[in-house]
């Protein structure tokens, strides 16, 4: 009887210790846009998270599980503190997360500066040289919500993917376009080449400038009214 009384508190303490160890607190940055992802039954929109400190240098990862109590806001970065509770595998459905996430508090929220790129832009210069405005002037529409670009090179229409974008850098995916031949392909060819080598940008008021890996200006653009 004496031994049983001694072991009982030890068992309770061990159980509490194990329970505490199954819960931990983590800090995430949540991206200002969601991303298409595949989970369980099919496609869905997922949060994107980053565990680093500098959100301007974030490498985003898709986050498939819900975060209880968290409210996503399009166009805003949110730094949040969450608890991660490890669930008993036997209580978790086959297509669900084995970890339960719950919001503790929002530590910081700020508007994503790249949202100001979300517009239609007319090309005013290529490789540092101005081009004359005409009916064939190239233009570029940037859709941050869908992480896509579209527009015309002055002859053909094009669409493409934005693979990654930060406050300074941009990475385009493959760009598809129509294959019409125009009388003069000089501007379209120059535009396409310049767009494909663009890796960074700077926005000032109503102007947007792209640069290549060496810091050379590739495209100068002006916001369309």
Protein backbone atom coordinates (compact mmCIF):
# COMPACT_ATOMS: atom_id res chain seq x y z
CA UNK A 1 0.00 0.00 0.00
CA UNK A 2 2.86 2.33 0.91
CA UNK A 3 4.57 1.63 -2.42
CA UNK A 4 1.35 2.34 -4.33
CA UNK A 5 0.98 5.72 -2.59
CA UNK A 6 4.56 6.59 -3.49
CA UNK A 7 4.23 5.62 -7.17
CA UNK A 8 0.92 7.38 -7.76
CA UNK A 9 2.26 10.97 -7.51
CA UNK A 10 5.23 9.99 -9.67
CA UNK A 11 2.86 8.65 -12.34
CA UNK A 12 0.78 11.83 -12.26
CA UNK A 13 3.89 14.03 -12.55
CA UNK A 14 5.21 11.94 -15.46
CA UNK A 15 1.84 12.23 -17.24
CA UNK A 16 1.77 16.00 -16.79
CA UNK A 17 5.37 16.31 -17.99
CA UNK A 18 4.60 14.30 -21.14
CA UNK A 19 1.48 16.39 -21.79
CA UNK A 20 3.45 19.64 -21.44
CA UNK A 21 6.12 18.36 -23.79
CA UNK A 22 3.50 17.71 -26.49
CA UNK A 23 2.70 21.44 -26.74
CA UNK A 24 5.17 24.05 -27.97
CA UNK A 25 4.96 27.68 -29.01
CA UNK A 26 6.22 28.86 -32.41
CA UNK A 27 6.36 32.19 -34.24
CA UNK A 28 5.47 32.50 -37.94
CA UNK A 29 5.26 35.23 -40.53
CA UNK A 30 2.13 34.68 -42.64
CA UNK A 31 2.28 35.91 -46.23
CA UNK A 32 -0.06 38.57 -47.58
CA UNK A 33 -1.44 36.20 -50.24
CA UNK A 34 -2.51 32.59 -50.26
CA UNK A 35 -1.29 30.02 -52.76
CA UNK A 36 -2.88 27.15 -54.69
CA UNK A 37 -2.05 23.80 -53.12
CA UNK A 38 -3.21 20.20 -53.20
CA UNK A 39 -4.22 18.46 -50.01
CA UNK A 40 -6.61 15.65 -49.17
CA UNK A 41 -9.53 15.59 -51.59
CA UNK A 42 -8.23 18.17 -54.06
CA UNK A 43 -7.00 21.68 -54.72
CA UNK A 44 -7.38 24.43 -52.15
CA UNK A 45 -5.95 27.79 -51.12
CA UNK A 46 -3.23 27.53 -48.46
CA UNK A 47 -1.53 30.02 -46.21
CA UNK A 48 2.18 30.61 -46.76
CA UNK A 49 4.45 30.86 -43.72
CA UNK A 50 8.04 31.77 -42.91
CA UNK A 51 9.85 31.10 -39.63
CA UNK A 52 12.69 33.57 -40.14
CA UNK A 53 13.10 37.08 -38.76
CA UNK A 54 13.34 39.32 -41.85
CA UNK A 55 10.09 39.08 -43.81
CA UNK A 56 11.67 40.98 -46.73
CA UNK A 57 13.96 37.97 -47.26
CA UNK A 58 11.27 35.37 -46.70
CA UNK A 59 11.22 32.01 -48.42
CA UNK A 60 7.59 30.98 -48.16
CA UNK A 61 6.30 27.46 -47.55
CA UNK A 62 2.72 26.27 -48.03
CA UNK A 63 0.88 25.66 -44.77
CA UNK A 64 -1.85 23.05 -45.16
CA UNK A 65 -3.45 22.99 -41.69
CA UNK A 66 -5.88 25.53 -40.22
CA UNK A 67 -4.77 27.84 -37.41
CA UNK A 68 -7.56 28.13 -34.86
CA UNK A 69 -8.43 31.75 -34.09
CA UNK A 70 -6.31 33.23 -36.90
CA UNK A 71 -7.89 35.56 -39.48
CA UNK A 72 -6.05 35.94 -42.79
CA UNK A 73 -5.97 39.45 -44.29
CA UNK A 74 -5.14 39.83 -47.96
CA UNK A 75 -2.37 42.38 -48.55
CA UNK A 76 -0.91 42.23 -45.03
CA UNK A 77 2.02 40.36 -43.52
CA UNK A 78 1.20 39.06 -40.05
CA UNK A 79 3.68 37.87 -37.47
CA UNK A 80 1.87 35.47 -35.18
CA UNK A 81 2.57 33.32 -32.16
CA UNK A 82 0.89 29.91 -32.22
CA UNK A 83 0.79 26.79 -30.08
CA UNK A 84 1.47 23.45 -31.74
CA UNK A 85 -0.19 20.51 -30.01
CA UNK A 86 0.86 17.01 -31.05
CA UNK A 87 -2.30 14.89 -31.38
CA UNK A 88 -2.64 11.19 -30.72
CA UNK A 89 -2.29 9.53 -34.19
CA UNK A 90 -5.24 7.26 -33.54
CA UNK A 91 -7.50 10.33 -33.21
CA UNK A 92 -6.34 11.94 -36.47
CA UNK A 93 -8.07 11.26 -39.83
CA UNK A 94 -5.80 9.98 -42.60
CA UNK A 95 -5.86 13.28 -44.54
CA UNK A 96 -5.55 15.62 -41.54
CA UNK A 97 -2.60 17.18 -39.73
CA UNK A 98 -1.29 15.38 -36.66
CA UNK A 99 -0.60 18.80 -35.12
CA UNK A 100 -3.26 21.23 -33.92
CA UNK A 101 -2.36 24.90 -34.40
CA UNK A 102 -3.93 27.65 -32.31
CA UNK A 103 -3.30 31.39 -32.38
CA UNK A 104 -1.86 32.88 -29.20
CA UNK A 105 -1.60 36.47 -30.45
CA UNK A 106 -0.73 38.63 -33.44
CA UNK A 107 2.68 40.13 -32.73
CA UNK A 108 2.92 42.44 -35.74
CA UNK A 109 0.96 43.34 -38.86
CA UNK A 110 2.10 45.46 -41.78
CA UNK A 111 0.97 46.14 -45.31
CA UNK A 112 2.83 44.28 -48.02
CA UNK A 113 4.64 46.94 -50.12
CA UNK A 114 4.60 44.80 -53.25
CA UNK A 115 0.81 45.16 -53.38
CA UNK A 116 1.42 48.56 -54.98
CA UNK A 117 2.63 46.67 -58.07
CA UNK A 118 -0.84 45.20 -58.51
CA UNK A 119 -1.84 47.23 -61.59
CA UNK A 120 -1.42 47.73 -65.34
CA UNK A 121 1.88 49.26 -66.45
CA UNK A 122 2.86 50.73 -69.83
CA UNK A 123 6.44 50.34 -70.99
CA UNK A 124 8.25 53.66 -71.49
CA UNK A 125 11.81 52.39 -71.92
CA UNK A 126 13.77 49.23 -72.73
CA UNK A 127 17.40 48.69 -71.68
CA UNK A 128 17.75 52.31 -70.65
CA UNK A 129 16.43 53.77 -73.92
CA UNK A 130 13.00 55.45 -74.14
CA UNK A 131 10.45 54.15 -76.61
CA UNK A 132 7.76 56.18 -78.37
CA UNK A 133 4.17 55.66 -77.26
CA UNK A 134 2.02 54.04 -79.95
CA UNK A 135 -0.81 51.56 -80.40
CA UNK A 136 1.79 48.78 -80.24
CA UNK A 137 3.44 49.92 -77.01
CA UNK A 138 4.00 46.91 -74.70
CA UNK A 139 2.13 46.79 -71.42
CA UNK A 140 2.29 44.56 -68.38
CA UNK A 141 -0.47 43.68 -65.92
CA UNK A 142 0.70 42.39 -62.54
CA UNK A 143 -1.77 40.38 -60.47
CA UNK A 144 -0.25 39.75 -57.05
CA UNK A 145 -3.31 37.86 -55.74
CA UNK A 146 -2.93 35.24 -58.47
CA UNK A 147 0.87 35.62 -58.74
CA UNK A 148 0.51 36.11 -62.50
CA UNK A 149 1.49 38.55 -65.21
CA UNK A 150 -0.17 39.22 -68.55
CA UNK A 151 -0.18 41.82 -71.29
CA UNK A 152 1.11 42.48 -74.77
CA UNK A 153 4.67 42.77 -76.09
CA UNK A 154 3.46 45.15 -78.79
CA UNK A 155 2.53 42.32 -81.13
CA UNK A 156 1.56 39.20 -79.17
CA UNK A 157 -0.38 38.69 -75.95
CA UNK A 158 1.38 36.83 -73.16
CA UNK A 159 0.70 35.29 -69.75
CA UNK A 160 3.12 34.04 -67.13
CA UNK A 161 3.68 33.11 -63.51
CA UNK A 162 5.37 35.06 -60.75
CA UNK A 163 7.30 32.33 -58.96
CA UNK A 164 8.52 34.53 -56.14
CA UNK A 165 8.45 38.18 -55.19
CA UNK A 166 9.91 40.14 -52.27
CA UNK A 167 10.18 43.86 -51.53
CA UNK A 168 13.11 44.04 -53.97
CA UNK A 169 13.40 40.89 -56.07
CA UNK A 170 11.09 39.16 -58.53
CA UNK A 171 11.30 35.78 -60.26
CA UNK A 172 9.16 34.99 -63.29
CA UNK A 173 8.19 31.51 -64.41
CA UNK A 174 7.76 30.39 -68.04
CA UNK A 175 5.94 32.92 -70.19
CA UNK A 176 3.51 31.76 -72.88
CA UNK A 177 2.45 33.98 -75.78
CA UNK A 178 0.56 33.97 -79.03
CA UNK A 179 2.64 33.55 -82.20
CA UNK A 180 1.49 36.31 -84.52
CA UNK A 181 4.14 37.93 -86.74
CA UNK A 182 3.99 41.70 -87.07
CA UNK A 183 5.62 43.98 -89.64
CA UNK A 184 8.23 45.22 -87.16
CA UNK A 185 9.25 42.84 -84.34
CA UNK A 186 12.04 45.04 -82.95
CA UNK A 187 10.20 46.32 -79.87
CA UNK A 188 8.42 43.01 -79.10
CA UNK A 189 11.70 41.09 -79.28
CA UNK A 190 13.52 43.63 -77.11
CA UNK A 191 10.69 43.64 -74.57
CA UNK A 192 10.52 39.85 -74.27
CA UNK A 193 14.27 39.53 -73.82
CA UNK A 194 14.32 42.32 -71.22
CA UNK A 195 11.41 40.82 -69.27
CA UNK A 196 13.01 37.37 -69.20
CA UNK A 197 16.25 38.64 -67.63
CA UNK A 198 14.56 40.91 -65.06
CA UNK A 199 15.23 39.77 -61.47
CA UNK A 200 14.67 42.88 -59.33
CA UNK A 201 12.59 46.03 -59.31
CA UNK A 202 12.11 49.47 -57.81
CA UNK A 203 8.84 51.39 -57.60
CA UNK A 204 8.72 55.15 -57.14
CA UNK A 205 5.31 56.85 -57.19
CA UNK A 206 3.78 55.99 -60.58
CA UNK A 207 6.92 54.48 -62.15
CA UNK A 208 8.25 50.95 -62.01
CA UNK A 209 11.73 49.87 -63.10
CA UNK A 210 13.08 46.35 -63.60
CA UNK A 211 16.76 45.35 -63.46
CA UNK A 212 18.84 42.35 -64.48
CA UNK A 213 21.22 40.35 -62.26
CA UNK A 214 24.00 42.92 -62.82
CA UNK A 215 21.82 45.85 -61.79
CA UNK A 216 21.30 47.13 -65.34
CA UNK A 217 17.93 48.65 -66.17
CA UNK A 218 15.84 46.35 -68.36
CA UNK A 219 12.37 47.92 -68.42
CA UNK A 220 10.94 51.28 -67.39
CA UNK A 221 7.18 51.40 -66.94
CA UNK A 222 4.49 53.90 -65.98
CA UNK A 223 1.22 53.14 -64.25
CA UNK A 224 -1.77 53.26 -66.61
CA UNK A 225 -4.44 55.74 -65.48
